[in-house]
Amino acid sequence: MPLDLFSKTPLPESLPEKMQITVDELKKSSGKEDCLKKVYGIMTRKYRGYRVKTYTRFFEVFKKDIGCFWGREGFLHCTNMNFVMRTLLVKSGFFSEEDLNLKWTQIWYVSPHQFLQVNVDGKWIDIDIWANTYGVGFGDHASGFKRS
């Protein structure tokens, strides 16, 4: 399950056809930073977080079907978004799992929240797709009541 509390969920070996097309385009990126920014754009256009749906769709947090995630738009749990993003980044060939750290924080001081740290040329960049809709931009993450 992409809950990833103690370890990273293994990435899928094969991808849905439309996702593979996206990965093939990402492989044409000029470098790590370019690829990361393209993936960030794809992810923030496709997915978003919703405070209430985090609770009303709680059991979706246990899904791990990349085809299910890629085939939809709108709400995904933060852990599921990070699973999709890890898949895109690693399959692009520009990143390895060692370049990606899953990080946990608290939002609203009571709700656990996961974001991704990505290593680009020795610099760790925070990526929080779920919180983008609440004003958290590239290089930042939600925590406490900060834009969450």
Foldseek 3Di string as FASTA:
>chain_A
DLPQPPHGDDADPDDDPVLVVVLVVLLPAPALVRSLVVLLVVLLVFEEADPVCCPVVVVQSPDDDRCVVVVHGYYDAQSNSVSNSVNSNVSNVRDDVVQKDWDWAAELNPRIHIWIWGDDPNDTATGRSHLVVLPADTRGYHHYPPSD
